[in-house]
Amino acid sequence: MTHAEWALSALEGHGLDPVTMLDVHALLYCYVEGVAVNLERETQAAAATGLSGDEWIEQQAAAFPVAVDETRRPALFKVFKAVESADGYDLRLDALFTLGLTSLLDGLAAVVERPAS
């Protein structure tokens, strides 16, 4: 409830109707919670398997060419080939969280700052 109060207080005075205010609050909350859930799952998987994320990926390397087949998934193949030639891709959840939150907040700014109709 504290987060809801904080979020709704920040939205007050912008001419948003109550449903939109609750939607914005829920959207922001769900985004943050979604990233947190993935961090927790990664931690649980590491504890259950004894493997780090990188070690797990290394074990899956043999199946990768089949999963990313050029004829079945050409866009995915092209992106992975480009990333592979540039020292690979490291999924950094903190950077992904920042990118997503920035994008979400920029989009919400347009909603909040939109003139009332």
Foldseek 3Di string as FASTA:
>chain_A
DVLLVVQLVVLPPLPDDPVVSVVLSVVLVCLVVVLVVVVVVQVVVCVVPVDHPVRVVVVCVVCVCVVCPCVVHVVSVVVQVVQVVVVHDDDDSVVVSVVVVVVSVVVVCCVSNPDDD
